[in-house]
PDB file of all heavy atoms in Angstrom:
ATOM      1  N   PHE A   1     -10.902  -4.119 -10.422  1.00  0.00           N
ATOM      2  CA  PHE A   1     -10.410  -2.733 -10.350  1.00  0.00           C
ATOM      3  C   PHE A   1      -9.963  -2.293 -11.716  1.00  0.00           C
ATOM      4  O   PHE A   1      -9.751  -3.067 -12.576  1.00  0.00           O
ATOM      5  CB  PHE A   1      -9.260  -2.655  -9.324  1.00  0.00           C
ATOM      6  CG  PHE A   1      -9.656  -2.686  -7.920  1.00  0.00           C
ATOM      7  CD1 PHE A   1      -9.967  -3.891  -7.247  1.00  0.00           C
ATOM      8  CD2 PHE A   1      -9.706  -1.481  -7.180  1.00  0.00           C
ATOM      9  CE1 PHE A   1     -10.298  -3.896  -5.939  1.00  0.00           C
ATOM     10  CE2 PHE A   1     -10.050  -1.530  -5.809  1.00  0.00           C
ATOM     11  CZ  PHE A   1     -10.381  -2.714  -5.202  1.00  0.00           C
ATOM     12  N   GLY A   2      -9.683  -0.956 -11.825  1.00  0.00           N
ATOM     13  CA  GLY A   2      -9.308  -0.376 -13.092  1.00  0.00           C
ATOM     14  C   GLY A   2      -7.928  -0.762 -13.566  1.00  0.00           C
ATOM     15  O   GLY A   2      -7.682  -0.822 -14.788  1.00  0.00           O
ATOM     16  N   SER A   3      -6.960  -1.043 -12.690  1.00  0.00           N
ATOM     17  CA  SER A   3      -5.630  -1.477 -13.054  1.00  0.00           C
ATOM     18  C   SER A   3      -4.962  -2.054 -11.849  1.00  0.00           C
ATOM     19  O   SER A   3      -5.477  -1.950 -10.694  1.00  0.00           O
ATOM     20  CB  SER A   3      -4.803  -0.280 -13.564  1.00  0.00           C
ATOM     21  OG  SER A   3      -4.481   0.569 -12.468  1.00  0.00           O
ATOM     22  N   GLY A   4      -3.826  -2.728 -12.060  1.00  0.00           N
ATOM     23  CA  GLY A   4      -3.069  -3.288 -10.916  1.00  0.00           C
ATOM     24  C   GLY A   4      -2.583  -2.204  -9.980  1.00  0.00           C
ATOM     25  O   GLY A   4      -2.585  -2.399  -8.728  1.00  0.00           O
ATOM     26  N   TYR A   5      -2.143  -1.056 -10.537  1.00  0.00           N
ATOM     27  CA  TYR A   5      -1.703   0.014  -9.697  1.00  0.00           C
ATOM     28  C   TYR A   5      -2.828   0.532  -8.805  1.00  0.00           C
ATOM     29  O   TYR A   5      -2.669   0.734  -7.624  1.00  0.00           O
ATOM     30  CB  TYR A   5      -1.225   1.123 -10.603  1.00  0.00           C
ATOM     31  CG  TYR A   5      -0.384   2.209  -9.873  1.00  0.00           C
ATOM     32  CD1 TYR A   5       1.021   2.186  -9.955  1.00  0.00           C
ATOM     33  CD2 TYR A   5      -0.973   3.224  -9.209  1.00  0.00           C
ATOM     34  CE1 TYR A   5       1.795   3.124  -9.341  1.00  0.00           C
ATOM     35  CE2 TYR A   5      -0.205   4.201  -8.533  1.00  0.00           C
ATOM     36  CZ  TYR A   5       1.151   4.142  -8.638  1.00  0.00           C
ATOM     37  OH  TYR A   5       1.877   5.126  -7.981  1.00  0.00           O
ATOM     38  N   ILE A   6      -3.993   0.734  -9.390  1.00  0.00           N
ATOM     39  CA  ILE A   6      -5.157   1.194  -8.697  1.00  0.00           C
ATOM     40  C   ILE A   6      -5.599   0.168  -7.584  1.00  0.00           C
ATOM     41  O   ILE A   6      -5.927   0.536  -6.477  1.00  0.00           O
ATOM     42  CB  ILE A   6      -6.315   1.472  -9.614  1.00  0.00           C
ATOM     43  CG1 ILE A   6      -6.062   2.736 -10.439  1.00  0.00           C
ATOM     44  CG2 ILE A   6      -7.684   1.561  -8.937  1.00  0.00           C
ATOM     45  CD1 ILE A   6      -7.090   3.039 -11.538  1.00  0.00           C
ATOM     46  N   ALA A   7      -5.540  -1.106  -7.981  1.00  0.00           N
ATOM     47  CA  ALA A   7      -5.937  -2.127  -6.972  1.00  0.00           C
ATOM     48  C   ALA A   7      -5.024  -2.116  -5.761  1.00  0.00           C
ATOM     49  O   ALA A   7      -5.495  -2.163  -4.624  1.00  0.00           O
ATOM     50  CB  ALA A   7      -5.920  -3.510  -7.676  1.00  0.00           C
ATOM     51  N   ASN A   8      -3.722  -2.077  -5.984  1.00  0.00           N
ATOM     52  CA  ASN A   8      -2.797  -2.146  -4.860  1.00  0.00           C
ATOM     53  C   ASN A   8      -2.913  -0.935  -3.982  1.00  0.00           C
ATOM     54  O   ASN A   8      -2.950  -0.987  -2.725  1.00  0.00           O
ATOM     55  CB  ASN A   8      -1.400  -2.300  -5.356  1.00  0.00           C
ATOM     56  CG  ASN A   8      -1.027  -3.737  -5.661  1.00  0.00           C
ATOM     57  OD1 ASN A   8      -1.591  -4.649  -5.146  1.00  0.00           O
ATOM     58  ND2 ASN A   8      -0.011  -3.891  -6.500  1.00  0.00           N
ATOM     59  N   ILE A   9      -3.039   0.277  -4.604  1.00  0.00           N
ATOM     60  CA  ILE A   9      -3.243   1.470  -3.784  1.00  0.00           C
ATOM     61  C   ILE A   9      -4.557   1.399  -3.003  1.00  0.00           C
ATOM     62  O   ILE A   9      -4.625   1.703  -1.847  1.00  0.00           O
ATOM     63  CB  ILE A   9      -3.271   2.744  -4.738  1.00  0.00           C
ATOM     64  CG1 ILE A   9      -1.813   2.987  -5.191  1.00  0.00           C
ATOM     65  CG2 ILE A   9      -3.791   3.940  -3.966  1.00  0.00           C
ATOM     66  CD1 ILE A   9      -1.723   4.140  -6.191  1.00  0.00           C
ATOM     67  N   GLY A  10      -5.629   0.990  -3.670  1.00  0.00           N
ATOM     68  CA  GLY A  10      -6.920   0.966  -3.008  1.00  0.00           C
ATOM     69  C   GLY A  10      -7.034  -0.014  -1.880  1.00  0.00           C
ATOM     70  O   GLY A  10      -7.565   0.251  -0.832  1.00  0.00           O
ATOM     71  N   VAL A  11      -6.475  -1.221  -2.093  1.00  0.00           N
ATOM     72  CA  VAL A  11      -6.560  -2.271  -1.074  1.00  0.00           C
ATOM     73  C   VAL A  11      -5.796  -1.916   0.150  1.00  0.00           C
ATOM     74  O   VAL A  11      -6.232  -2.022   1.279  1.00  0.00           O
ATOM     75  CB  VAL A  11      -6.110  -3.624  -1.669  1.00  0.00           C
ATOM     76  CG1 VAL A  11      -5.985  -4.667  -0.567  1.00  0.00           C
ATOM     77  CG2 VAL A  11      -7.080  -4.134  -2.718  1.00  0.00           C
ATOM     78  N   ILE A  12      -4.538  -1.483  -0.017  1.00  0.00           N
ATOM     79  CA  ILE A  12      -3.673  -1.198   1.069  1.00  0.00           C
ATOM     80  C   ILE A  12      -4.238  -0.044   1.932  1.00  0.00           C
ATOM     81  O   ILE A  12      -4.287  -0.085   3.142  1.00  0.00           O
ATOM     82  CB  ILE A  12      -2.241  -0.900   0.620  1.00  0.00           C
ATOM     83  CG1 ILE A  12      -1.620  -2.216   0.025  1.00  0.00           C
ATOM     84  CG2 ILE A  12      -1.377  -0.411   1.773  1.00  0.00           C
ATOM     85  CD1 ILE A  12      -0.285  -2.017  -0.630  1.00  0.00           C
ATOM     86  N   GLN A  13      -4.691   1.049   1.216  1.00  0.00           N
ATOM     87  CA  GLN A  13      -5.294   2.151   1.927  1.00  0.00           C
ATOM     88  C   GLN A  13      -6.529   1.731   2.738  1.00  0.00           C
ATOM     89  O   GLN A  13      -6.797   2.243   3.806  1.00  0.00           O
ATOM     90  CB  GLN A  13      -5.719   3.235   0.944  1.00  0.00           C
ATOM     91  CG  GLN A  13      -4.597   4.122   0.473  1.00  0.00           C
ATOM     92  CD  GLN A  13      -5.146   5.238  -0.419  1.00  0.00           C
ATOM     93  OE1 GLN A  13      -5.636   4.982  -1.500  1.00  0.00           O
ATOM     94  NE2 GLN A  13      -5.036   6.475   0.046  1.00  0.00           N
ATOM     95  N   ALA A  14      -7.294   0.767   2.159  1.00  0.00           N
ATOM     96  CA  ALA A  14      -8.521   0.345   2.880  1.00  0.00           C
ATOM     97  C   ALA A  14      -8.233  -0.527   4.057  1.00  0.00           C
ATOM     98  O   ALA A  14      -9.079  -0.576   5.015  1.00  0.00           O
ATOM     99  CB  ALA A  14      -9.418  -0.417   1.887  1.00  0.00           C
ATOM    100  N   LEU A  15      -7.114  -1.189   4.114  1.00  0.00           N
ATOM    101  CA  LEU A  15      -6.827  -2.154   5.172  1.00  0.00           C
ATOM    102  C   LEU A  15      -6.039  -1.609   6.370  1.00  0.00           C
ATOM    103  O   LEU A  15      -6.160  -2.105   7.492  1.00  0.00           O
ATOM    104  CB  LEU A  15      -6.035  -3.345   4.583  1.00  0.00           C
ATOM    105  CG  LEU A  15      -6.799  -4.243   3.604  1.00  0.00           C
ATOM    106  CD1 LEU A  15      -5.921  -5.341   3.065  1.00  0.00           C
ATOM    107  CD2 LEU A  15      -8.078  -4.858   4.218  1.00  0.00           C
ATOM    108  N   VAL A  16      -5.190  -0.614   6.092  1.00  0.00           N
ATOM    109  CA  VAL A  16      -4.319  -0.104   7.182  1.00  0.00           C
ATOM    110  C   VAL A  16      -4.320   1.418   7.176  1.00  0.00           C
ATOM    111  O   VAL A  16      -4.620   2.064   6.128  1.00  0.00           O
ATOM    112  CB  VAL A  16      -2.891  -0.639   7.031  1.00  0.00           C
ATOM    113  CG1 VAL A  16      -2.814  -2.116   7.293  1.00  0.00           C
ATOM    114  CG2 VAL A  16      -2.315  -0.303   5.642  1.00  0.00           C
ATOM    115  N   SER A  17      -3.920   1.990   8.304  1.00  0.00           N
ATOM    116  CA  SER A  17      -3.779   3.433   8.425  1.00  0.00           C
ATOM    117  C   SER A  17      -2.733   3.801   9.479  1.00  0.00           C
ATOM    118  O   SER A  17      -1.822   3.002   9.720  1.00  0.00           O
ATOM    119  CB  SER A  17      -5.189   4.059   8.806  1.00  0.00           C
ATOM    120  OG  SER A  17      -5.590   3.474  10.045  1.00  0.00           O
ATOM    121  N   ARG A  18      -2.821   4.983  10.048  1.00  0.00           N
ATOM    122  CA  ARG A  18      -1.740   5.521  10.899  1.00  0.00           C
ATOM    123  C   ARG A  18      -1.253   4.564  11.999  1.00  0.00           C
ATOM    124  O   ARG A  18      -0.091   4.563  12.335  1.00  0.00           O
ATOM    125  CB  ARG A  18      -2.155   6.828  11.572  1.00  0.00           C
ATOM    126  CG  ARG A  18      -2.322   7.981  10.553  1.00  0.00           C
ATOM    127  CD  ARG A  18      -2.684   9.253  11.337  1.00  0.00           C
ATOM    128  NE  ARG A  18      -2.990  10.344  10.470  1.00  0.00           N
ATOM    129  CZ  ARG A  18      -2.077  11.172   9.961  1.00  0.00           C
ATOM    130  NH1 ARG A  18      -0.788  11.011  10.286  1.00  0.00           N
ATOM    131  NH2 ARG A  18      -2.404  12.166   9.142  1.00  0.00           N
ATOM    132  N   ASP A  19      -2.146   3.840  12.653  1.00  0.00           N
ATOM    133  CA  ASP A  19      -1.764   3.046  13.818  1.00  0.00           C
ATOM    134  C   ASP A  19      -1.291   1.604  13.423  1.00  0.00           C
ATOM    135  O   ASP A  19      -1.115   0.784  14.314  1.00  0.00           O
ATOM    136  CB  ASP A  19      -2.984   2.914  14.743  1.00  0.00           C
ATOM    137  CG  ASP A  19      -3.459   4.254  15.255  1.00  0.00           C
ATOM    138  OD1 ASP A  19      -2.530   5.093  15.557  1.00  0.00           O
ATOM    139  OD2 ASP A  19      -4.672   4.455  15.382  1.00  0.00           O
ATOM    140  N   ASP A  20      -1.084   1.418  12.143  1.00  0.00           N
ATOM    141  CA  ASP A  20      -0.809   0.012  11.640  1.00  0.00           C
ATOM    142  C   ASP A  20       0.570   0.002  11.012  1.00  0.00           C
ATOM    143  O   ASP A  20       1.303   0.956  10.881  1.00  0.00           O
ATOM    144  CB  ASP A  20      -1.859  -0.398  10.688  1.00  0.00           C
ATOM    145  CG  ASP A  20      -3.245  -0.210  11.235  1.00  0.00           C
ATOM    146  OD1 ASP A  20      -3.455  -0.578  12.406  1.00  0.00           O
ATOM    147  OD2 ASP A  20      -4.163   0.290  10.480  1.00  0.00           O
ATOM    148  N   VAL A  21       0.950  -1.225  10.625  1.00  0.00           N
ATOM    149  CA  VAL A  21       2.268  -1.395   9.963  1.00  0.00           C
ATOM    150  C   VAL A  21       2.105  -2.390   8.811  1.00  0.00           C
ATOM    151  O   VAL A  21       1.365  -3.352   8.860  1.00  0.00           O
ATOM    152  CB  VAL A  21       3.302  -1.939  10.996  1.00  0.00           C
ATOM    153  CG1 VAL A  21       2.852  -3.245  11.618  1.00  0.00           C
ATOM    154  CG2 VAL A  21       4.686  -2.060  10.306  1.00  0.00           C
ATOM    155  N   VAL A  22       2.901  -2.083   7.718  1.00  0.00           N
ATOM    156  CA  VAL A  22       2.924  -2.924   6.553  1.00  0.00           C
ATOM    157  C   VAL A  22       4.356  -3.470   6.359  1.00  0.00           C
ATOM    158  O   VAL A  22       5.292  -2.669   6.354  1.00  0.00           O
ATOM    159  CB  VAL A  22       2.484  -2.194   5.264  1.00  0.00           C
ATOM    160  CG1 VAL A  22       2.462  -3.191   4.084  1.00  0.00           C
ATOM    161  CG2 VAL A  22       1.104  -1.586   5.455  1.00  0.00           C
ATOM    162  N   PHE A  23       4.461  -4.774   6.283  1.00  0.00           N
ATOM    163  CA  PHE A  23       5.791  -5.428   6.011  1.00  0.00           C
ATOM    164  C   PHE A  23       5.846  -5.723   4.548  1.00  0.00           C
ATOM    165  O   PHE A  23       5.052  -6.511   4.002  1.00  0.00           O
ATOM    166  CB  PHE A  23       5.921  -6.685   6.877  1.00  0.00           C
ATOM    167  CG  PHE A  23       5.685  -6.452   8.323  1.00  0.00           C
ATOM    168  CD1 PHE A  23       4.410  -6.548   8.905  1.00  0.00           C
ATOM    169  CD2 PHE A  23       6.773  -6.106   9.138  1.00  0.00           C
ATOM    170  CE1 PHE A  23       4.229  -6.347  10.222  1.00  0.00           C
ATOM    171  CE2 PHE A  23       6.558  -5.831  10.504  1.00  0.00           C
ATOM    172  CZ  PHE A  23       5.308  -5.966  11.083  1.00  0.00           C
ATOM    173  N   SER A  24       6.776  -5.127   3.893  1.00  0.00           N
ATOM    174  CA  SER A  24       6.838  -5.193   2.371  1.00  0.00           C
ATOM    175  C   SER A  24       8.240  -5.539   1.942  1.00  0.00           C
ATOM    176  O   SER A  24       9.259  -4.966   2.383  1.00  0.00           O
ATOM    177  CB  SER A  24       6.470  -3.799   1.821  1.00  0.00           C
ATOM    178  OG  SER A  24       6.651  -3.779   0.446  1.00  0.00           O
ATOM    179  N   ASP A  25       8.317  -6.505   0.998  1.00  0.00           N
ATOM    180  CA  ASP A  25       9.587  -6.898   0.406  1.00  0.00           C
ATOM    181  C   ASP A  25      10.214  -5.684  -0.279  1.00  0.00           C
ATOM    182  O   ASP A  25       9.579  -4.890  -0.952  1.00  0.00           O
ATOM    183  CB  ASP A  25       9.370  -8.043  -0.596  1.00  0.00           C
ATOM    184  CG  ASP A  25      10.703  -8.639  -1.078  1.00  0.00           C
ATOM    185  OD1 ASP A  25      11.458  -7.969  -1.843  1.00  0.00           O
ATOM    186  OD2 ASP A  25      10.941  -9.813  -0.737  1.00  0.00           O
ATOM    187  N   LYS A  26      11.543  -5.573  -0.158  1.00  0.00           N
ATOM    188  CA  LYS A  26      12.226  -4.371  -0.685  1.00  0.00           C
ATOM    189  C   LYS A  26      12.125  -4.256  -2.231  1.00  0.00           C
ATOM    190  O   LYS A  26      12.196  -3.126  -2.744  1.00  0.00           O
ATOM    191  CB  LYS A  26      13.732  -4.464  -0.308  1.00  0.00           C
ATOM    192  CG  LYS A  26      14.507  -3.214  -0.616  1.00  0.00           C
ATOM    193  CD  LYS A  26      15.940  -3.299  -0.129  1.00  0.00           C
ATOM    194  CE  LYS A  26      16.703  -2.040  -0.422  1.00  0.00           C
ATOM    195  NZ  LYS A  26      18.124  -2.082   0.140  1.00  0.00           N
ATOM    196  N   LEU A  27      11.833  -5.355  -2.886  1.00  0.00           N
ATOM    197  CA  LEU A  27      11.706  -5.313  -4.348  1.00  0.00           C
ATOM    198  C   LEU A  27      10.243  -5.383  -4.813  1.00  0.00           C
ATOM    199  O   LEU A  27      10.003  -5.596  -6.017  1.00  0.00           O
ATOM    200  CB  LEU A  27      12.505  -6.458  -4.980  1.00  0.00           C
ATOM    201  CG  LEU A  27      14.013  -6.460  -4.730  1.00  0.00           C
ATOM    202  CD1 LEU A  27      14.680  -7.549  -5.592  1.00  0.00           C
ATOM    203  CD2 LEU A  27      14.610  -5.103  -5.070  1.00  0.00           C
ATOM    204  N   ASN A  28       9.311  -5.157  -3.918  1.00  0.00           N
ATOM    205  CA  ASN A  28       7.911  -5.091  -4.346  1.00  0.00           C
ATOM    206  C   ASN A  28       7.685  -3.985  -5.403  1.00  0.00           C
ATOM    207  O   ASN A  28       8.409  -3.003  -5.431  1.00  0.00           O
ATOM    208  CB  ASN A  28       7.018  -4.842  -3.141  1.00  0.00           C
ATOM    209  CG  ASN A  28       6.631  -6.125  -2.454  1.00  0.00           C
ATOM    210  OD1 ASN A  28       6.723  -7.217  -2.961  1.00  0.00           O
ATOM    211  ND2 ASN A  28       6.179  -5.983  -1.215  1.00  0.00           N
ATOM    212  N   HIS A  29       6.631  -4.176  -6.157  1.00  0.00           N
ATOM    213  CA  HIS A  29       6.274  -3.190  -7.209  1.00  0.00           C
ATOM    214  C   HIS A  29       6.003  -1.797  -6.631  1.00  0.00           C
ATOM    215  O   HIS A  29       5.565  -1.691  -5.463  1.00  0.00           O
ATOM    216  CB  HIS A  29       5.070  -3.695  -7.948  1.00  0.00           C
ATOM    217  CG  HIS A  29       4.809  -2.930  -9.228  1.00  0.00           C
ATOM    218  ND1 HIS A  29       3.869  -1.891  -9.251  1.00  0.00           N
ATOM    219  CD2 HIS A  29       5.313  -3.028 -10.442  1.00  0.00           C
ATOM    220  CE1 HIS A  29       3.878  -1.389 -10.486  1.00  0.00           C
ATOM    221  NE2 HIS A  29       4.666  -2.061 -11.239  1.00  0.00           N
ATOM    222  N   ALA A  30       6.243  -0.786  -7.439  1.00  0.00           N
ATOM    223  CA  ALA A  30       6.065   0.601  -6.996  1.00  0.00           C
ATOM    224  C   ALA A  30       4.638   0.874  -6.529  1.00  0.00           C
ATOM    225  O   ALA A  30       4.442   1.741  -5.654  1.00  0.00           O
ATOM    226  CB  ALA A  30       6.444   1.531  -8.161  1.00  0.00           C
ATOM    227  N   SER A  31       3.638   0.189  -7.113  1.00  0.00           N
ATOM    228  CA  SER A  31       2.278   0.403  -6.687  1.00  0.00           C
ATOM    229  C   SER A  31       2.044   0.047  -5.217  1.00  0.00           C
ATOM    230  O   SER A  31       1.249   0.635  -4.533  1.00  0.00           O
ATOM    231  CB  SER A  31       1.312  -0.356  -7.596  1.00  0.00           C
ATOM    232  OG  SER A  31       1.624  -1.734  -7.610  1.00  0.00           O
ATOM    233  N   ILE A  32       2.766  -1.010  -4.782  1.00  0.00           N
ATOM    234  CA  ILE A  32       2.654  -1.400  -3.388  1.00  0.00           C
ATOM    235  C   ILE A  32       3.321  -0.359  -2.504  1.00  0.00           C
ATOM    236  O   ILE A  32       2.744   0.061  -1.478  1.00  0.00           O
ATOM    237  CB  ILE A  32       3.334  -2.808  -3.197  1.00  0.00           C
ATOM    238  CG1 ILE A  32       2.521  -3.838  -3.929  1.00  0.00           C
ATOM    239  CG2 ILE A  32       3.406  -3.118  -1.708  1.00  0.00           C
ATOM    240  CD1 ILE A  32       3.191  -5.232  -3.926  1.00  0.00           C
ATOM    241  N   VAL A  33       4.462   0.120  -2.913  1.00  0.00           N
ATOM    242  CA  VAL A  33       5.154   1.188  -2.131  1.00  0.00           C
ATOM    243  C   VAL A  33       4.319   2.414  -2.017  1.00  0.00           C
ATOM    244  O   VAL A  33       4.179   2.983  -0.952  1.00  0.00           O
ATOM    245  CB  VAL A  33       6.532   1.490  -2.797  1.00  0.00           C
ATOM    246  CG1 VAL A  33       7.230   2.612  -2.070  1.00  0.00           C
ATOM    247  CG2 VAL A  33       7.433   0.252  -2.834  1.00  0.00           C
ATOM    248  N   ASP A  34       3.737   2.835  -3.150  1.00  0.00           N
ATOM    249  CA  ASP A  34       2.885   4.006  -3.120  1.00  0.00           C
ATOM    250  C   ASP A  34       1.594   3.791  -2.291  1.00  0.00           C
ATOM    251  O   ASP A  34       1.124   4.756  -1.611  1.00  0.00           O
ATOM    252  CB  ASP A  34       2.525   4.407  -4.545  1.00  0.00           C
ATOM    253  CG  ASP A  34       3.746   4.930  -5.333  1.00  0.00           C
ATOM    254  OD1 ASP A  34       4.796   5.056  -4.739  1.00  0.00           O
ATOM    255  OD2 ASP A  34       3.628   5.187  -6.526  1.00  0.00           O
ATOM    256  N   GLY A  35       1.027   2.587  -2.362  1.00  0.00           N
ATOM    257  CA  GLY A  35      -0.143   2.329  -1.531  1.00  0.00           C
ATOM    258  C   GLY A  35       0.138   2.396  -0.058  1.00  0.00           C
ATOM    259  O   GLY A  35      -0.651   2.910   0.738  1.00  0.00           O
ATOM    260  N   ILE A  36       1.325   1.955   0.370  1.00  0.00           N
ATOM    261  CA  ILE A  36       1.694   2.045   1.758  1.00  0.00           C
ATOM    262  C   ILE A  36       1.904   3.512   2.163  1.00  0.00           C
ATOM    263  O   ILE A  36       1.398   3.949   3.223  1.00  0.00           O
ATOM    264  CB  ILE A  36       3.018   1.248   2.027  1.00  0.00           C
ATOM    265  CG1 ILE A  36       2.796  -0.214   1.697  1.00  0.00           C
ATOM    266  CG2 ILE A  36       3.465   1.460   3.467  1.00  0.00           C
ATOM    267  CD1 ILE A  36       4.047  -1.019   1.658  1.00  0.00           C
ATOM    268  N   ALA A  37       2.533   4.288   1.289  1.00  0.00           N
ATOM    269  CA  ALA A  37       2.756   5.714   1.606  1.00  0.00           C
ATOM    270  C   ALA A  37       1.423   6.431   1.758  1.00  0.00           C
ATOM    271  O   ALA A  37       1.233   7.223   2.703  1.00  0.00           O
ATOM    272  CB  ALA A  37       3.590   6.359   0.533  1.00  0.00           C
ATOM    273  N   LEU A  38       0.520   6.181   0.862  1.00  0.00           N
ATOM    274  CA  LEU A  38      -0.808   6.859   0.912  1.00  0.00           C
ATOM    275  C   LEU A  38      -1.666   6.401   2.112  1.00  0.00           C
ATOM    276  O   LEU A  38      -2.461   7.142   2.593  1.00  0.00           O
ATOM    277  CB  LEU A  38      -1.558   6.608  -0.376  1.00  0.00           C
ATOM    278  CG  LEU A  38      -0.977   7.375  -1.605  1.00  0.00           C
ATOM    279  CD1 LEU A  38      -1.612   6.828  -2.894  1.00  0.00           C
ATOM    280  CD2 LEU A  38      -1.193   8.870  -1.453  1.00  0.00           C
ATOM    281  N   SER A  39      -1.433   5.200   2.565  1.00  0.00           N
ATOM    282  CA  SER A  39      -2.193   4.677   3.737  1.00  0.00           C
ATOM    283  C   SER A  39      -1.774   5.356   5.039  1.00  0.00           C
ATOM    284  O   SER A  39      -2.547   5.338   6.022  1.00  0.00           O
ATOM    285  CB  SER A  39      -1.988   3.146   3.873  1.00  0.00           C
ATOM    286  OG  SER A  39      -0.705   2.837   4.430  1.00  0.00           O
ATOM    287  N   ARG A  40      -0.530   5.873   5.058  1.00  0.00           N
ATOM    288  CA  ARG A  40       0.063   6.498   6.276  1.00  0.00           C
ATOM    289  C   ARG A  40       0.391   5.475   7.371  1.00  0.00           C
ATOM    290  O   ARG A  40       0.694   5.870   8.484  1.00  0.00           O
ATOM    291  CB  ARG A  40      -0.842   7.607   6.797  1.00  0.00           C
ATOM    292  CG  ARG A  40      -1.118   8.724   5.798  1.00  0.00           C
ATOM    293  CD  ARG A  40      -1.914   9.845   6.344  1.00  0.00           C
ATOM    294  NE  ARG A  40      -2.212  10.854   5.330  1.00  0.00           N
ATOM    295  CZ  ARG A  40      -2.903  11.953   5.572  1.00  0.00           C
ATOM    296  NH1 ARG A  40      -3.443  12.187   6.755  1.00  0.00           N
ATOM    297  NH2 ARG A  40      -3.131  12.808   4.588  1.00  0.00           N
ATOM    298  N   ALA A  41       0.313   4.192   7.045  1.00  0.00           N
ATOM    299  CA  ALA A  41       0.789   3.182   7.959  1.00  0.00           C
ATOM    300  C   ALA A  41       2.322   3.203   7.985  1.00  0.00           C
ATOM    301  O   ALA A  41       2.983   3.679   7.050  1.00  0.00           O
ATOM    302  CB  ALA A  41       0.284   1.831   7.539  1.00  0.00           C
ATOM    303  N   GLU A  42       2.885   2.631   9.020  1.00  0.00           N
ATOM    304  CA  GLU A  42       4.349   2.518   9.087  1.00  0.00           C
ATOM    305  C   GLU A  42       4.760   1.482   8.041  1.00  0.00           C
ATOM    306  O   GLU A  42       4.183   0.434   7.857  1.00  0.00           O
ATOM    307  CB  GLU A  42       4.769   2.075  10.477  1.00  0.00           C
ATOM    308  CG  GLU A  42       6.241   2.089  10.659  1.00  0.00           C
ATOM    309  CD  GLU A  42       6.722   1.923  12.087  1.00  0.00           C
ATOM    310  OE1 GLU A  42       5.872   2.022  13.013  1.00  0.00           O
ATOM    311  OE2 GLU A  42       7.929   1.683  12.290  1.00  0.00           O
ATOM    312  N   HIS A  43       5.843   1.812   7.350  1.00  0.00           N
ATOM    313  CA  HIS A  43       6.392   0.906   6.294  1.00  0.00           C
ATOM    314  C   HIS A  43       7.621   0.221   6.799  1.00  0.00           C
ATOM    315  O   HIS A  43       8.679   0.887   6.936  1.00  0.00           O
ATOM    316  CB  HIS A  43       6.700   1.787   5.041  1.00  0.00           C
ATOM    317  CG  HIS A  43       7.060   0.982   3.860  1.00  0.00           C
ATOM    318  ND1 HIS A  43       7.332   1.544   2.624  1.00  0.00           N
ATOM    319  CD2 HIS A  43       7.173  -0.387   3.657  1.00  0.00           C
ATOM    320  CE1 HIS A  43       7.620   0.614   1.729  1.00  0.00           C
ATOM    321  NE2 HIS A  43       7.530  -0.550   2.376  1.00  0.00           N
TER     322      HIS A  43
END
């Protein structure tokens, strides 16, 4: 992928959507947080 930020956003969006849930550590990198938001899965 083009960068770590791009990879995390792309992977999370590709794997989950509105009917799904992502369990994320509170201190995870911002790219993970943004990927979850863009996926529209429950965070």
